[in-house]
Amino acid sequence: MRIWHQSFTVLDDVPHYRDILARHLASVAAPGTEVVLHGMAPGTYPSDYPGTHIRYAYLSGLHKEQFVHAALSAQDEGYDAFLIATIPDTAYEECRSLVDIPVVTLGQTSVLLAATLGGTVGIVNFIGALEPQLRRNMRVYGLDRIVGPIRQVAAEFTDVMAAYASPDGLLAAFTEAAREAITAGASVIVPGEGPLNVFLADHGVSRVDDVPVLDSLGTCLQVAEMRARQYHSTGLVASRVGFHHEQPPRELVDRARDFYGTSRVPAGGR
């Protein structure tokens, strides 16, 4: 089985994160599963920090096309599932409507699975500007009653990257933010963005006090494996009813993408 992992980060710009991410996902994958890491195309951002774009609707929308291109490529190349590994679930509806292979997303899937561990899901991330988008997504998914407090770690992207070499400060900052969420009613914690999640998993953080902390990416990978098995054994695909689900003919998709020049989106990779 091959799973296409798609990050919102240019992975080669952050090699420490890339390498720990690869190691972690390999450790939770089932025997025989190959997780192939893909990031955004080199030069996508003016710095190595995607948060400068992800907080703006238009810029984030422009970058959706890289995810669409990746999902179509994953299906064309015979991958078994496509994993959108960014908590705002960039281009989820578009990708799910275009391909038959399972499309699994970090935000939706981690909240759904966290809800099996506790009644109120708290999200702890480090990009505060994402909260309105996360709230909107949860309303669309019908999960807004499940998600309670969203809190931010007192750290920037560069702090999270630096913590891979010097972890104590970020571990303390996460614990403080998680306790704030717990005080506000959270009974299970979902770490937000991938770099924070992988950092915590790498350091064995699975609880704060008596509250579970979900390994978001690891969980999403395992769900992608399950959905891929369902797809191959029973042909189970996403609903094709309604505007956000109906699948257009591939010829129309290819011609439209050629017209707008999006079929020539540069490819990202490890």
Protein backbone atom coordinates (compact mmCIF):
# COMPACT_ATOMS: atom_id res chain seq x y z
CA MET A 1 0.00 0.00 0.00
CA ARG A 2 1.23 3.51 -0.85
CA ILE A 3 -0.09 6.64 0.86
CA TRP A 4 0.56 10.10 -0.61
CA HIS A 5 1.24 12.52 2.27
CA GLN A 6 0.71 16.16 1.24
CA SER A 7 2.07 18.91 3.47
CA PHE A 8 1.40 22.66 3.28
CA THR A 9 5.11 23.14 3.98
CA VAL A 10 8.04 23.10 1.55
CA LEU A 11 9.55 20.09 3.28
CA ASP A 12 13.11 20.52 2.04
CA ASP A 13 13.14 23.98 3.68
CA VAL A 14 12.69 22.30 7.08
CA PRO A 15 14.83 19.13 6.93
CA HIS A 16 14.68 18.44 10.69
CA TYR A 17 10.89 18.33 10.59
CA ARG A 18 10.89 16.36 7.31
CA ASP A 19 13.18 13.68 8.66
CA ILE A 20 11.38 13.28 12.00
CA LEU A 21 8.04 13.25 10.17
CA ALA A 22 9.25 10.43 7.92
CA ARG A 23 10.53 8.46 10.90
CA HIS A 24 7.34 8.93 12.89
CA LEU A 25 4.94 7.98 10.11
CA ALA A 26 7.05 4.93 9.28
CA SER A 27 6.80 3.87 12.92
CA VAL A 28 2.98 3.97 12.99
CA ALA A 29 2.31 2.62 9.48
CA ALA A 30 1.19 -0.96 9.08
CA PRO A 31 3.71 -3.46 7.68
CA GLY A 32 3.79 -3.11 3.92
CA THR A 33 2.60 0.52 3.89
CA GLU A 34 4.85 3.06 2.19
CA VAL A 35 4.22 6.70 3.09
CA VAL A 36 5.64 9.01 0.44
CA LEU A 37 6.15 12.56 1.70
CA HIS A 38 5.26 15.46 -0.55
CA GLY A 39 5.45 19.15 0.24
CA MET A 40 4.68 22.35 -1.57
CA ALA A 41 6.82 23.26 -4.57
CA PRO A 42 10.14 24.98 -3.80
CA GLY A 43 9.70 28.75 -3.86
CA THR A 44 6.00 28.66 -2.92
CA TYR A 45 6.56 31.01 0.03
CA PRO A 46 8.83 34.03 0.52
CA SER A 47 10.23 32.25 3.60
CA ASP A 48 10.17 28.73 5.00
CA TYR A 49 7.06 29.66 7.02
CA PRO A 50 3.72 28.90 5.31
CA GLY A 51 1.82 30.78 8.03
CA THR A 52 2.47 34.01 6.14
CA HIS A 53 0.05 32.72 3.47
CA ILE A 54 -2.22 30.23 5.22
CA ARG A 55 -3.96 32.97 7.22
CA TYR A 56 -5.24 34.81 4.11
CA ALA A 57 -8.24 33.49 2.18
CA TYR A 58 -7.01 34.46 -1.27
CA LEU A 59 -3.43 33.26 -0.86
CA SER A 60 -4.56 30.04 0.75
CA GLY A 61 -7.02 29.59 -2.11
CA LEU A 62 -4.27 30.00 -4.69
CA HIS A 63 -2.31 27.20 -3.06
CA LYS A 64 -5.28 24.82 -3.26
CA GLU A 65 -4.27 24.05 -6.83
CA GLN A 66 -1.09 22.34 -5.64
CA PHE A 67 -3.26 20.01 -3.55
CA VAL A 68 -5.61 19.33 -6.47
CA HIS A 69 -2.63 18.64 -8.73
CA ALA A 70 -1.22 16.29 -6.09
CA ALA A 71 -4.49 14.41 -5.60
CA LEU A 72 -4.92 13.84 -9.34
CA SER A 73 -1.28 12.75 -9.59
CA ALA A 74 -1.70 10.37 -6.66
CA GLN A 75 -4.64 8.65 -8.33
CA ASP A 76 -2.94 8.59 -11.75
CA GLU A 77 0.20 7.08 -10.22
CA GLY A 78 -1.64 4.30 -8.41
CA TYR A 79 -1.50 5.51 -4.81
CA ASP A 80 -4.02 3.93 -2.47
CA ALA A 81 -4.99 7.05 -0.50
CA PHE A 82 -4.30 10.78 -0.35
CA LEU A 83 -3.57 12.39 3.04
CA ILE A 84 -4.01 16.17 3.38
CA ALA A 85 -1.65 16.75 6.29
CA THR A 86 -2.57 20.31 7.26
CA ILE A 87 -5.17 21.15 9.88
CA PRO A 88 -7.20 23.64 7.78
CA ASP A 89 -7.85 20.73 5.37
CA THR A 90 -6.79 22.74 2.33
CA ALA A 91 -8.71 21.82 -0.86
CA TYR A 92 -10.45 18.90 0.83
CA GLU A 93 -13.79 19.29 -0.96
CA GLU A 94 -12.11 19.85 -4.32
CA CYS A 95 -9.83 16.84 -4.01
CA ARG A 96 -12.53 14.54 -2.68
CA SER A 97 -14.81 15.45 -5.58
CA LEU A 98 -12.16 14.75 -8.22
CA VAL A 99 -10.64 11.41 -7.22
CA ASP A 100 -12.00 8.05 -6.17
CA ILE A 101 -9.11 7.05 -3.92
CA PRO A 102 -9.76 7.97 -0.27
CA VAL A 103 -8.96 11.56 0.72
CA VAL A 104 -8.23 11.84 4.44
CA THR A 105 -7.66 15.18 6.17
CA LEU A 106 -5.87 16.17 9.35
CA GLY A 107 -8.52 18.52 10.75
CA GLN A 108 -11.68 16.51 10.20
CA THR A 109 -10.22 13.09 10.93
CA SER A 110 -8.31 14.03 14.08
CA VAL A 111 -11.39 15.69 15.61
CA LEU A 112 -13.60 12.72 14.74
CA LEU A 113 -11.17 10.25 16.30
CA ALA A 114 -10.49 12.47 19.30
CA ALA A 115 -14.22 12.48 20.03
CA THR A 116 -13.99 8.76 20.78
CA LEU A 117 -11.63 9.60 23.66
CA GLY A 118 -13.50 12.49 25.28
CA GLY A 119 -16.64 14.56 24.99
CA THR A 120 -15.11 17.95 24.21
CA VAL A 121 -12.17 18.30 21.84
CA GLY A 122 -9.67 21.06 22.50
CA ILE A 123 -7.25 22.10 19.75
CA VAL A 124 -3.82 23.43 20.68
CA ASN A 125 -1.86 24.98 17.82
CA PHE A 126 0.62 27.79 17.22
CA ILE A 127 -1.00 29.78 14.39
CA GLY A 128 -3.68 31.78 16.15
CA ALA A 129 -4.99 33.26 12.90
CA LEU A 130 -6.25 29.81 11.87
CA GLU A 131 -8.99 29.68 14.50
CA PRO A 132 -11.76 31.25 12.35
CA GLN A 133 -11.00 28.81 9.52
CA LEU A 134 -11.00 25.84 11.88
CA ARG A 135 -14.31 26.94 13.39
CA ARG A 136 -15.81 27.36 9.93
CA ASN A 137 -14.60 23.92 8.82
CA MET A 138 -16.07 22.28 11.90
CA ARG A 139 -19.44 23.92 11.22
CA VAL A 140 -19.36 22.59 7.64
CA TYR A 141 -18.50 19.10 8.91
CA GLY A 142 -21.18 19.24 11.60
CA LEU A 143 -18.50 18.89 14.28
CA ASP A 144 -18.82 22.33 15.86
CA ARG A 145 -20.57 20.90 18.92
CA ILE A 146 -17.62 18.61 19.53
CA VAL A 147 -14.87 21.24 19.32
CA GLY A 148 -14.52 23.42 22.38
CA PRO A 149 -11.56 25.63 23.27
CA ILE A 150 -8.83 26.41 20.74
CA ARG A 151 -5.66 27.67 22.36
CA GLN A 152 -2.29 28.74 21.02
CA VAL A 153 1.13 27.70 22.22
CA ALA A 154 3.30 30.70 23.03
CA ALA A 155 5.69 29.90 20.17
CA GLU A 156 6.33 30.88 16.58
CA PHE A 157 7.14 28.60 13.66
CA THR A 158 10.88 29.19 14.12
CA ASP A 159 10.55 28.24 17.81
CA VAL A 160 8.86 24.97 16.88
CA MET A 161 11.59 24.16 14.37
CA ALA A 162 14.31 25.02 16.89
CA ALA A 163 12.64 22.82 19.51
CA TYR A 164 13.57 19.69 17.59
CA ALA A 165 17.11 20.30 18.84
CA SER A 166 16.20 21.90 22.21
CA PRO A 167 12.79 20.60 23.30
CA ASP A 168 12.24 21.74 26.88
CA GLY A 169 10.81 25.19 26.15
CA LEU A 170 8.21 23.99 23.67
CA LEU A 171 7.21 21.04 25.86
CA ALA A 172 6.52 23.47 28.71
CA ALA A 173 4.67 25.91 26.43
CA PHE A 174 2.46 23.14 25.04
CA THR A 175 1.66 21.84 28.52
CA GLU A 176 0.65 25.34 29.62
CA ALA A 177 -1.60 25.87 26.59
CA ALA A 178 -3.13 22.41 26.96
CA ARG A 179 -3.94 23.08 30.60
CA GLU A 180 -5.65 26.32 29.57
CA ALA A 181 -7.79 24.31 27.15
CA ILE A 182 -8.53 21.72 29.83
CA THR A 183 -9.57 24.42 32.28
CA ALA A 184 -11.89 25.76 29.55
CA GLY A 185 -13.56 22.36 29.24
CA ALA A 186 -11.47 20.20 26.89
CA SER A 187 -11.42 16.50 27.77
CA VAL A 188 -9.10 15.49 24.90
CA ILE A 189 -6.44 17.51 23.08
CA VAL A 190 -5.70 17.58 19.35
CA PRO A 191 -2.32 19.15 18.54
CA GLY A 192 -2.86 21.48 15.61
CA GLU A 193 -0.28 21.88 12.91
CA GLY A 194 1.88 18.97 11.76
CA PRO A 195 5.21 20.22 13.10
CA LEU A 196 3.79 20.53 16.63
CA ASN A 197 2.06 17.17 16.44
CA VAL A 198 5.18 15.35 15.24
CA PHE A 199 7.34 17.09 17.85
CA LEU A 200 5.03 15.92 20.64
CA ALA A 201 4.75 12.38 19.29
CA ASP A 202 8.53 12.20 18.96
CA HIS A 203 8.81 13.06 22.65
CA GLY A 204 6.17 10.57 23.73
CA VAL A 205 3.57 13.13 24.81
CA SER A 206 0.23 11.30 24.92
CA ARG A 207 -1.36 12.94 27.99
CA VAL A 208 -1.39 16.19 29.88
CA ASP A 209 -2.40 15.45 33.46
CA ASP A 210 -5.32 13.02 32.95
CA VAL A 211 -6.34 14.23 29.49
CA PRO A 212 -5.31 12.31 26.34
CA VAL A 213 -3.32 14.03 23.60
CA LEU A 214 -4.02 12.54 20.18
CA ASP A 215 -1.23 11.75 17.72
CA SER A 216 -3.08 13.54 14.93
CA LEU A 217 -0.95 12.64 11.92
CA GLY A 218 -0.33 9.09 13.06
CA THR A 219 -4.06 8.60 13.55
CA CYS A 220 -4.86 10.09 10.14
CA LEU A 221 -2.36 7.77 8.47
CA GLN A 222 -3.99 4.76 10.10
CA VAL A 223 -7.43 5.96 8.99
CA ALA A 224 -6.07 6.40 5.44
CA GLU A 225 -4.87 2.79 5.53
CA MET A 226 -8.29 1.59 6.68
CA ARG A 227 -10.10 3.63 4.03
CA ALA A 228 -7.74 2.32 1.35
CA ARG A 229 -8.55 -1.26 2.36
CA GLN A 230 -12.27 -0.47 2.20
CA TYR A 231 -11.83 1.12 -1.23
CA HIS A 232 -10.05 -1.92 -2.63
CA SER A 233 -12.24 -4.55 -0.99
CA THR A 234 -15.69 -3.02 -1.48
CA GLY A 235 -15.24 -0.09 -3.87
CA LEU A 236 -16.33 2.39 -1.17
CA VAL A 237 -15.94 5.96 -2.43
CA ALA A 238 -17.14 9.35 -1.23
CA SER A 239 -20.70 10.47 -1.90
CA ARG A 240 -21.31 11.84 -5.40
CA VAL A 241 -24.52 13.70 -4.52
CA GLY A 242 -24.60 17.50 -4.49
CA PHE A 243 -22.40 20.40 -5.52
CA HIS A 244 -19.49 19.64 -3.19
CA HIS A 245 -19.39 15.93 -4.03
CA GLU A 246 -20.39 15.41 -7.67
CA GLN A 247 -17.46 14.22 -9.79
CA PRO A 248 -16.92 16.04 -13.09
CA PRO A 249 -15.67 14.10 -16.13
CA ARG A 250 -11.87 14.02 -16.13
CA GLU A 251 -11.77 15.46 -19.65
CA LEU A 252 -13.58 18.60 -18.47
CA VAL A 253 -11.23 18.90 -15.52
CA ASP A 254 -8.13 18.56 -17.67
CA ARG A 255 -9.35 21.05 -20.26
CA ALA A 256 -10.29 23.63 -17.63
CA ARG A 257 -6.95 23.25 -15.88
CA ASP A 258 -5.14 23.62 -19.21
CA PHE A 259 -7.09 26.80 -19.95
CA TYR A 260 -6.13 28.38 -16.63
CA GLY A 261 -2.61 27.04 -16.75
CA THR A 262 -3.01 25.12 -13.51
CA SER A 263 -2.11 21.80 -15.11
CA ARG A 264 1.46 23.15 -15.13
CA VAL A 265 1.60 23.65 -11.37
CA PRO A 266 5.14 22.78 -10.23
CA ALA A 267 5.39 19.56 -8.31
CA GLY A 268 6.50 19.41 -4.71
CA GLY A 269 8.32 16.50 -3.16
CA ARG A 270 10.70 15.39 -0.51
